[in-house]
Amino acid sequence: MRLQGDRVGIAAANPATLLQVLNATCNGTSWNDACSRELKQDITALETEEARRAVMSLAPVKYSYKSDPGDARVGFIAEDAPELVATPDRRTLSSMDIVAALTRVVQEQDRKIAELEARLNEMSREQ
């Protein structure tokens, strides 16, 4: 860990923001995942069907943490989440993984809606 003025770096020699953990940062209001292509390898497209299965098997719940019973929240239970979005220890989830799966599903739904609208317009013109 490195302290540099009011900045803290964990596995980061020169923290660029208030908190930097390796390549992810926090500026005090937002957590920013490290998403640069420069940091990644073995990049492949997320298949729509795999994303759809994961999204459809997510089970949203309402809950509160035992440490703060008055603070009602919504979210997921890590142990119940699909492997695609759960961490290997099944104790936490990555919001970015869930967003990626949701994005792929929405993109496919949008493509299908556009296709159905085009077919419907074509059928209307034929009548």
C-alpha atoms as a PDB file:
ATOM      1  CA  MET A   1       0.000   0.000   0.000  1.00  0.00           C
ATOM      2  CA  ARG A   2       1.257   3.448  -0.851  1.00  0.00           C
ATOM      3  CA  LEU A   3       0.127   6.740   0.682  1.00  0.00           C
ATOM      4  CA  GLN A   4       0.766   9.760  -1.497  1.00  0.00           C
ATOM      5  CA  GLY A   5      -0.667  12.935   0.045  1.00  0.00           C
ATOM      6  CA  ASP A   6      -4.423  12.392   0.240  1.00  0.00           C
ATOM      7  CA  ARG A   7      -4.249   9.428  -2.182  1.00  0.00           C
ATOM      8  CA  VAL A   8      -4.030   5.722  -1.396  1.00  0.00           C
ATOM      9  CA  GLY A   9      -2.661   3.164  -3.801  1.00  0.00           C
ATOM     10  CA  ILE A  10      -2.998  -0.589  -3.373  1.00  0.00           C
ATOM     11  CA  ALA A  11      -0.820  -2.409  -5.901  1.00  0.00           C
ATOM     12  CA  ALA A  12      -0.485   0.998  -7.576  1.00  0.00           C
ATOM     13  CA  ALA A  13       2.799   2.893  -7.263  1.00  0.00           C
ATOM     14  CA  ASN A  14       1.406   6.337  -8.099  1.00  0.00           C
ATOM     15  CA  PRO A  15      -2.331   6.496  -7.331  1.00  0.00           C
ATOM     16  CA  ALA A  16      -4.121   8.746  -9.811  1.00  0.00           C
ATOM     17  CA  THR A  17      -7.198   9.346  -7.632  1.00  0.00           C
ATOM     18  CA  LEU A  18      -8.183   9.215  -3.964  1.00  0.00           C
ATOM     19  CA  LEU A  19      -8.128   5.411  -4.023  1.00  0.00           C
ATOM     20  CA  GLN A  20      -6.550   3.205  -6.652  1.00  0.00           C
ATOM     21  CA  VAL A  21      -6.558  -0.583  -6.391  1.00  0.00           C
ATOM     22  CA  LEU A  22      -4.320  -1.950  -9.131  1.00  0.00           C
ATOM     23  CA  ASN A  23      -6.030  -0.325 -12.155  1.00  0.00           C
ATOM     24  CA  ALA A  24      -9.467   0.438 -10.684  1.00  0.00           C
ATOM     25  CA  THR A  25     -10.052   3.847  -9.120  1.00  0.00           C
ATOM     26  CA  CYS A  26     -12.364   5.730  -6.778  1.00  0.00           C
ATOM     27  CA  ASN A  27     -12.580   9.519  -6.819  1.00  0.00           C
ATOM     28  CA  GLY A  28     -14.731   9.744  -3.696  1.00  0.00           C
ATOM     29  CA  THR A  29     -18.060   9.555  -5.496  1.00  0.00           C
ATOM     30  CA  SER A  30     -17.691   6.810  -8.111  1.00  0.00           C
ATOM     31  CA  TRP A  31     -15.907   3.486  -8.405  1.00  0.00           C
ATOM     32  CA  ASN A  32     -14.389   3.043 -11.856  1.00  0.00           C
ATOM     33  CA  ASP A  33     -13.539  -0.455 -13.051  1.00  0.00           C
ATOM     34  CA  ALA A  34     -10.419  -0.886 -15.141  1.00  0.00           C
ATOM     35  CA  CYS A  35     -11.845  -1.491 -18.634  1.00  0.00           C
ATOM     36  CA  SER A  36      -9.062  -0.562 -21.036  1.00  0.00           C
ATOM     37  CA  ARG A  37      -8.217  -2.982 -23.834  1.00  0.00           C
ATOM     38  CA  GLU A  38      -4.561  -2.491 -22.843  1.00  0.00           C
ATOM     39  CA  LEU A  39      -5.227  -4.353 -19.573  1.00  0.00           C
ATOM     40  CA  LYS A  40      -7.076  -7.332 -21.076  1.00  0.00           C
ATOM     41  CA  GLN A  41      -6.299 -10.453 -23.064  1.00  0.00           C
ATOM     42  CA  ASP A  42      -8.230 -13.321 -24.663  1.00  0.00           C
ATOM     43  CA  ILE A  43     -11.059 -10.923 -25.606  1.00  0.00           C
ATOM     44  CA  THR A  44     -14.056 -12.620 -27.254  1.00  0.00           C
ATOM     45  CA  ALA A  45     -17.684 -11.619 -27.733  1.00  0.00           C
ATOM     46  CA  LEU A  46     -20.154 -12.687 -25.070  1.00  0.00           C
ATOM     47  CA  GLU A  47     -22.586 -15.063 -26.738  1.00  0.00           C
ATOM     48  CA  THR A  48     -26.189 -13.889 -26.563  1.00  0.00           C
ATOM     49  CA  GLU A  49     -27.574 -17.228 -25.381  1.00  0.00           C
ATOM     50  CA  GLU A  50     -25.033 -17.486 -22.540  1.00  0.00           C
ATOM     51  CA  ALA A  51     -25.892 -13.938 -21.441  1.00  0.00           C
ATOM     52  CA  ARG A  52     -29.632 -14.619 -21.703  1.00  0.00           C
ATOM     53  CA  ARG A  53     -29.375 -17.755 -19.545  1.00  0.00           C
ATOM     54  CA  ALA A  54     -27.426 -15.834 -16.906  1.00  0.00           C
ATOM     55  CA  VAL A  55     -29.824 -12.878 -16.857  1.00  0.00           C
ATOM     56  CA  MET A  56     -32.888 -15.115 -16.714  1.00  0.00           C
ATOM     57  CA  SER A  57     -31.453 -17.088 -13.805  1.00  0.00           C
ATOM     58  CA  LEU A  58     -30.673 -14.026 -11.697  1.00  0.00           C
ATOM     59  CA  ALA A  59     -33.105 -13.797  -8.796  1.00  0.00           C
ATOM     60  CA  PRO A  60     -33.529 -10.189  -7.613  1.00  0.00           C
ATOM     61  CA  VAL A  61     -34.281  -9.893  -3.892  1.00  0.00           C
ATOM     62  CA  LYS A  62     -34.980  -7.237  -1.280  1.00  0.00           C
ATOM     63  CA  TYR A  63     -32.799  -7.409   1.827  1.00  0.00           C
ATOM     64  CA  SER A  64     -30.917  -5.507   4.497  1.00  0.00           C
ATOM     65  CA  TYR A  65     -27.464  -6.186   5.882  1.00  0.00           C
ATOM     66  CA  LYS A  66     -27.365  -7.693   9.372  1.00  0.00           C
ATOM     67  CA  SER A  67     -25.080  -4.823  10.398  1.00  0.00           C
ATOM     68  CA  ASP A  68     -27.667  -2.207   9.296  1.00  0.00           C
ATOM     69  CA  PRO A  69     -31.194  -3.687   9.445  1.00  0.00           C
ATOM     70  CA  GLY A  70     -32.871  -0.346   8.741  1.00  0.00           C
ATOM     71  CA  ASP A  71     -31.187   0.124   5.356  1.00  0.00           C
ATOM     72  CA  ALA A  72     -33.407  -1.708   2.838  1.00  0.00           C
ATOM     73  CA  ARG A  73     -31.736  -2.633  -0.436  1.00  0.00           C
ATOM     74  CA  VAL A  74     -32.304  -4.614  -3.624  1.00  0.00           C
ATOM     75  CA  GLY A  75     -29.834  -6.898  -5.313  1.00  0.00           C
ATOM     76  CA  PHE A  76     -28.795 -10.526  -5.617  1.00  0.00           C
ATOM     77  CA  ILE A  77     -27.476 -13.328  -3.440  1.00  0.00           C
ATOM     78  CA  ALA A  78     -23.995 -14.308  -4.639  1.00  0.00           C
ATOM     79  CA  GLU A  79     -24.432 -17.981  -3.793  1.00  0.00           C
ATOM     80  CA  ASP A  80     -27.552 -18.101  -5.986  1.00  0.00           C
ATOM     81  CA  ALA A  81     -26.149 -16.194  -8.974  1.00  0.00           C
ATOM     82  CA  PRO A  82     -25.111 -17.908 -12.205  1.00  0.00           C
ATOM     83  CA  GLU A  83     -21.446 -18.717 -12.670  1.00  0.00           C
ATOM     84  CA  LEU A  84     -21.090 -16.158 -15.466  1.00  0.00           C
ATOM     85  CA  VAL A  85     -21.505 -13.253 -13.018  1.00  0.00           C
ATOM     86  CA  ALA A  86     -20.381 -14.776  -9.703  1.00  0.00           C
ATOM     87  CA  THR A  87     -16.849 -14.675  -8.379  1.00  0.00           C
ATOM     88  CA  PRO A  88     -15.106 -18.039  -7.977  1.00  0.00           C
ATOM     89  CA  ASP A  89     -15.637 -18.078  -4.198  1.00  0.00           C
ATOM     90  CA  ARG A  90     -19.389 -17.339  -4.684  1.00  0.00           C
ATOM     91  CA  ARG A  91     -19.245 -14.601  -2.014  1.00  0.00           C
ATOM     92  CA  THR A  92     -19.439 -11.507  -4.236  1.00  0.00           C
ATOM     93  CA  LEU A  93     -20.717 -10.404  -7.624  1.00  0.00           C
ATOM     94  CA  SER A  94     -19.222  -8.069 -10.183  1.00  0.00           C
ATOM     95  CA  SER A  95     -21.668  -5.342 -11.183  1.00  0.00           C
ATOM     96  CA  MET A  96     -19.781  -4.895 -14.463  1.00  0.00           C
ATOM     97  CA  ASP A  97     -20.289  -8.588 -15.311  1.00  0.00           C
ATOM     98  CA  ILE A  98     -24.036  -8.239 -14.717  1.00  0.00           C
ATOM     99  CA  VAL A  99     -24.138  -5.050 -16.816  1.00  0.00           C
ATOM    100  CA  ALA A 100     -22.314  -6.805 -19.678  1.00  0.00           C
ATOM    101  CA  ALA A 101     -24.781  -9.708 -19.661  1.00  0.00           C
ATOM    102  CA  LEU A 102     -27.755  -7.344 -19.517  1.00  0.00           C
ATOM    103  CA  THR A 103     -26.315  -5.245 -22.345  1.00  0.00           C
ATOM    104  CA  ARG A 104     -25.914  -8.281 -24.615  1.00  0.00           C
ATOM    105  CA  VAL A 105     -29.503  -9.382 -23.896  1.00  0.00           C
ATOM    106  CA  VAL A 106     -30.908  -5.883 -24.534  1.00  0.00           C
ATOM    107  CA  GLN A 107     -28.923  -5.593 -27.788  1.00  0.00           C
ATOM    108  CA  GLU A 108     -30.372  -8.894 -29.006  1.00  0.00           C
ATOM    109  CA  GLN A 109     -33.892  -7.916 -27.964  1.00  0.00           C
ATOM    110  CA  ASP A 110     -33.506  -4.600 -29.791  1.00  0.00           C
ATOM    111  CA  ARG A 111     -32.309  -6.427 -32.911  1.00  0.00           C
ATOM    112  CA  LYS A 112     -35.319  -8.759 -32.763  1.00  0.00           C
ATOM    113  CA  ILE A 113     -37.753  -5.879 -32.217  1.00  0.00           C
ATOM    114  CA  ALA A 114     -36.354  -4.039 -35.243  1.00  0.00           C
ATOM    115  CA  GLU A 115     -36.648  -7.221 -37.316  1.00  0.00           C
ATOM    116  CA  LEU A 116     -40.260  -7.764 -36.226  1.00  0.00           C
ATOM    117  CA  GLU A 117     -41.137  -4.122 -36.914  1.00  0.00           C
ATOM    118  CA  ALA A 118     -39.691  -4.417 -40.418  1.00  0.00           C
ATOM    119  CA  ARG A 119     -41.706  -7.574 -41.065  1.00  0.00           C
ATOM    120  CA  LEU A 120     -44.843  -5.953 -39.714  1.00  0.00           C
ATOM    121  CA  ASN A 121     -44.306  -2.887 -41.934  1.00  0.00           C
ATOM    122  CA  GLU A 122     -43.756  -5.160 -44.934  1.00  0.00           C
ATOM    123  CA  MET A 123     -46.956  -7.069 -44.188  1.00  0.00           C
ATOM    124  CA  SER A 124     -48.885  -3.769 -43.847  1.00  0.00           C
ATOM    125  CA  ARG A 125     -47.610  -2.586 -47.236  1.00  0.00           C
ATOM    126  CA  GLU A 126     -48.661  -5.869 -48.880  1.00  0.00           C
ATOM    127  CA  GLN A 127     -52.283  -5.457 -47.820  1.00  0.00           C
END
